[in-house]
Structure formats: structure tokens, C-alpha cells
């Protein structure tokens, strides 16, 4: 244990994933079921899932709390229509997009399935607001994705060039 503040911050960050995941899942399950016991079990199951323990050395795999927070915001917004719940969704969505490339691919699929399940024609204004919040929350990630695309394109180009030189 060193006195280095960076090391202490890294340890705090590393240890925060489990409780944040549990709290987020607790809040979502409680919203959906109304049961404190069910929410407690759901929070424990999400926080300490075998998958999380298996990948404890990969900090990005432990930072999945944005998913339940985003879904919680969606459920509350669709139910009550308050903008602050839409902000919870947008912050959860942004957290998912920034925390993990796997979640960047898979959570939008969960989101699309959620939309299909809960879609009702009478709430069109709310659905447009949800779509707008998702787009606005995605904007900070677009430059990162574009940079990633350019790097991948350069790497493919170099590989093709090397392959053509060997011929």
C-alpha cells in the first residue's frame, strides 16, 4: 500500500464497481416489482454474478451499472413523464457507451428490445423525447468512434500494403 493518491483512486474505482452495480440493480428491481426483498436479491445477483467475478481484473467489465440506471430511468419516464427520469436514462446510456465496448454493442440491443416490449402509440411524444435523449447522450462518444474507425482503417490499409509487398 503506497501513499500515492493515484493508486488510492484506482483502488477506489476498482472497488466501486460491485456496490454500484448492486445499487443500480436494486433500484431497477424495486421499481419493477415493488419488493424490497426481491430488489435486494436482484442487486446481489447483478453485483456478484459469476461473470463479474470471472472478469474482476477487467475493470471495464465491472462498470455495468449504467444499464440498470438507464432502464430505471426509462421505466420511470414512461410511467410518469418527468424529465429528470429521462436525464437518468441519458446518464446511464452515456455510462454504458463510455465504459465498455462490449456493452456499446449489446446494450443498444437490450434497449431496442425494451422499446419493442413497452411501445404504445399513445406515448409518441415520450418516445421522441427518449430517442432525442439517446442521441444527445451518444454525441460525446461519436468522436471516439470515428477515431476508432480511422485507426482500424489505417491498420487494414497497412496490412493490405504489407501483403501486397510480399507477393
Foldseek 3Di string as FASTA:
>chain_A
DDPDPVVVVVVVLLVVLLQLQLVLQLLLQCVVPVDNVRSNVRSNCRSVPVVCVVVSVQSLVSNLSLLSQLVSLVVCCVVPVDVVSLVSNLVSLLSQCPRDPVSVPPSVVVVVVVCVVPPDPVPVVSVVSSVVSNVVSCVVCVVVVVVVVVVVVVVVVVVVVVVVVVD
